[in-house]
């Protein structure tokens, strides 16, 4: 399941990258920073990515989840920091 989630995140990043300038494409490595210092995403970009991930999870796995909720926002370590932390958080949700 971990590989499926990672693939869905990468597919979602690819969707976002299609409309981003060539010099600001998001890498699809586990260590890629999605949120905070060093991220190429602003807050709206992060929201767009999360929405794309949620939609792709529903389409590909037939699971309806909300990634950005109070639980995610209240954690001391943001689940949105890196692709790896996001994969782990989504695994906990499903």
C-alpha atoms as a PDB file:
ATOM      1  CA  UNK A   1       0.000   0.000   0.000  1.00  0.00           C
ATOM      2  CA  UNK A   2       2.921   2.334   0.706  1.00  0.00           C
ATOM      3  CA  UNK A   3       4.058   2.131  -2.925  1.00  0.00           C
ATOM      4  CA  UNK A   4       0.515   2.814  -4.151  1.00  0.00           C
ATOM      5  CA  UNK A   5       0.265   5.941  -2.005  1.00  0.00           C
ATOM      6  CA  UNK A   6       3.700   7.128  -3.142  1.00  0.00           C
ATOM      7  CA  UNK A   7       2.683   6.598  -6.785  1.00  0.00           C
ATOM      8  CA  UNK A   8      -0.556   8.520  -6.249  1.00  0.00           C
ATOM      9  CA  UNK A   9       1.367  11.412  -4.685  1.00  0.00           C
ATOM     10  CA  UNK A  10       3.837  11.387  -7.592  1.00  0.00           C
ATOM     11  CA  UNK A  11       0.976  11.356 -10.106  1.00  0.00           C
ATOM     12  CA  UNK A  12      -0.600  14.289  -8.267  1.00  0.00           C
ATOM     13  CA  UNK A  13       2.696  16.184  -8.298  1.00  0.00           C
ATOM     14  CA  UNK A  14       2.935  15.538 -12.033  1.00  0.00           C
ATOM     15  CA  UNK A  15      -0.511  17.115 -12.474  1.00  0.00           C
ATOM     16  CA  UNK A  16       0.624  20.182 -10.506  1.00  0.00           C
ATOM     17  CA  UNK A  17       3.927  20.324 -12.420  1.00  0.00           C
ATOM     18  CA  UNK A  18       2.066  20.571 -15.738  1.00  0.00           C
ATOM     19  CA  UNK A  19       1.043  24.138 -14.903  1.00  0.00           C
ATOM     20  CA  UNK A  20       4.225  25.221 -13.121  1.00  0.00           C
ATOM     21  CA  UNK A  21       7.121  26.988 -14.839  1.00  0.00           C
ATOM     22  CA  UNK A  22       9.953  24.683 -15.913  1.00  0.00           C
ATOM     23  CA  UNK A  23      12.327  26.061 -13.271  1.00  0.00           C
ATOM     24  CA  UNK A  24       9.912  25.428 -10.377  1.00  0.00           C
ATOM     25  CA  UNK A  25       8.864  21.827 -10.932  1.00  0.00           C
ATOM     26  CA  UNK A  26       8.387  19.756  -7.766  1.00  0.00           C
ATOM     27  CA  UNK A  27      10.735  16.789  -7.381  1.00  0.00           C
ATOM     28  CA  UNK A  28       9.180  13.406  -6.707  1.00  0.00           C
ATOM     29  CA  UNK A  29      11.711  12.062  -4.205  1.00  0.00           C
ATOM     30  CA  UNK A  30      10.837  10.890  -0.688  1.00  0.00           C
ATOM     31  CA  UNK A  31      12.981  13.707   0.746  1.00  0.00           C
ATOM     32  CA  UNK A  32      11.299  16.475  -1.282  1.00  0.00           C
ATOM     33  CA  UNK A  33      10.154  19.247   1.037  1.00  0.00           C
ATOM     34  CA  UNK A  34       6.513  20.111   0.425  1.00  0.00           C
ATOM     35  CA  UNK A  35       5.864  22.534   3.284  1.00  0.00           C
ATOM     36  CA  UNK A  36       8.068  24.962   5.167  1.00  0.00           C
ATOM     37  CA  UNK A  37      11.584  26.208   4.479  1.00  0.00           C
ATOM     38  CA  UNK A  38      13.033  24.885   1.254  1.00  0.00           C
ATOM     39  CA  UNK A  39       9.666  24.140  -0.348  1.00  0.00           C
ATOM     40  CA  UNK A  40       8.859  25.386  -3.838  1.00  0.00           C
ATOM     41  CA  UNK A  41       5.141  25.346  -2.969  1.00  0.00           C
ATOM     42  CA  UNK A  42       3.291  28.296  -1.501  1.00  0.00           C
ATOM     43  CA  UNK A  43       0.201  27.695   0.634  1.00  0.00           C
ATOM     44  CA  UNK A  44      -2.151  27.698  -2.374  1.00  0.00           C
ATOM     45  CA  UNK A  45       0.124  25.255  -4.197  1.00  0.00           C
ATOM     46  CA  UNK A  46       0.065  22.927  -1.191  1.00  0.00           C
ATOM     47  CA  UNK A  47      -3.732  23.089  -1.051  1.00  0.00           C
ATOM     48  CA  UNK A  48      -3.940  22.277  -4.774  1.00  0.00           C
ATOM     49  CA  UNK A  49      -1.611  19.312  -4.292  1.00  0.00           C
ATOM     50  CA  UNK A  50      -3.609  17.982  -1.330  1.00  0.00           C
ATOM     51  CA  UNK A  51      -6.871  18.261  -3.287  1.00  0.00           C
ATOM     52  CA  UNK A  52      -5.287  16.409  -6.227  1.00  0.00           C
ATOM     53  CA  UNK A  53      -4.007  13.662  -3.901  1.00  0.00           C
ATOM     54  CA  UNK A  54      -7.407  13.251  -2.236  1.00  0.00           C
ATOM     55  CA  UNK A  55      -9.117  13.020  -5.626  1.00  0.00           C
ATOM     56  CA  UNK A  56      -6.579  10.518  -6.963  1.00  0.00           C
ATOM     57  CA  UNK A  57      -6.914   8.342  -3.850  1.00  0.00           C
ATOM     58  CA  UNK A  58     -10.667   8.309  -4.323  1.00  0.00           C
ATOM     59  CA  UNK A  59     -10.369   7.563  -8.054  1.00  0.00           C
ATOM     60  CA  UNK A  60      -7.692   4.872  -7.800  1.00  0.00           C
ATOM     61  CA  UNK A  61      -8.379   3.249  -4.423  1.00  0.00           C
ATOM     62  CA  UNK A  62     -12.083   4.079  -3.957  1.00  0.00           C
ATOM     63  CA  UNK A  63     -11.271   5.561  -0.553  1.00  0.00           C
ATOM     64  CA  UNK A  64     -12.609   8.974   0.457  1.00  0.00           C
ATOM     65  CA  UNK A  65     -10.282  10.760   2.884  1.00  0.00           C
ATOM     66  CA  UNK A  66      -9.615  14.285   4.088  1.00  0.00           C
ATOM     67  CA  UNK A  67      -5.892  14.861   4.443  1.00  0.00           C
ATOM     68  CA  UNK A  68      -5.849  18.446   5.729  1.00  0.00           C
ATOM     69  CA  UNK A  69      -7.968  18.305   8.860  1.00  0.00           C
ATOM     70  CA  UNK A  70      -7.653  19.375  12.480  1.00  0.00           C
ATOM     71  CA  UNK A  71      -5.722  16.213  13.311  1.00  0.00           C
ATOM     72  CA  UNK A  72      -3.087  16.996  10.674  1.00  0.00           C
ATOM     73  CA  UNK A  73      -2.795  20.628  11.717  1.00  0.00           C
ATOM     74  CA  UNK A  74      -2.426  19.840  15.422  1.00  0.00           C
ATOM     75  CA  UNK A  75       0.574  17.520  15.068  1.00  0.00           C
ATOM     76  CA  UNK A  76       3.907  18.783  16.360  1.00  0.00           C
ATOM     77  CA  UNK A  77       5.629  17.534  13.204  1.00  0.00           C
ATOM     78  CA  UNK A  78       3.726  18.478  10.051  1.00  0.00           C
ATOM     79  CA  UNK A  79       2.660  15.521   7.911  1.00  0.00           C
ATOM     80  CA  UNK A  80       3.101  17.845   4.918  1.00  0.00           C
ATOM     81  CA  UNK A  81       6.826  18.463   5.491  1.00  0.00           C
ATOM     82  CA  UNK A  82       8.092  15.909   2.950  1.00  0.00           C
ATOM     83  CA  UNK A  83       6.675  13.392   0.533  1.00  0.00           C
ATOM     84  CA  UNK A  84       7.770  10.637   2.925  1.00  0.00           C
ATOM     85  CA  UNK A  85       5.955  12.157   5.911  1.00  0.00           C
ATOM     86  CA  UNK A  86       2.849  12.621   3.762  1.00  0.00           C
ATOM     87  CA  UNK A  87       2.935   8.983   2.624  1.00  0.00           C
ATOM     88  CA  UNK A  88       3.186   7.839   6.251  1.00  0.00           C
ATOM     89  CA  UNK A  89       0.339  10.114   7.338  1.00  0.00           C
ATOM     90  CA  UNK A  90      -1.965   8.940   4.546  1.00  0.00           C
ATOM     91  CA  UNK A  91      -1.223   5.324   5.454  1.00  0.00           C
ATOM     92  CA  UNK A  92      -2.406   6.085   9.002  1.00  0.00           C
ATOM     93  CA  UNK A  93      -5.604   7.661   7.647  1.00  0.00           C
ATOM     94  CA  UNK A  94      -6.539   4.705   5.526  1.00  0.00           C
END
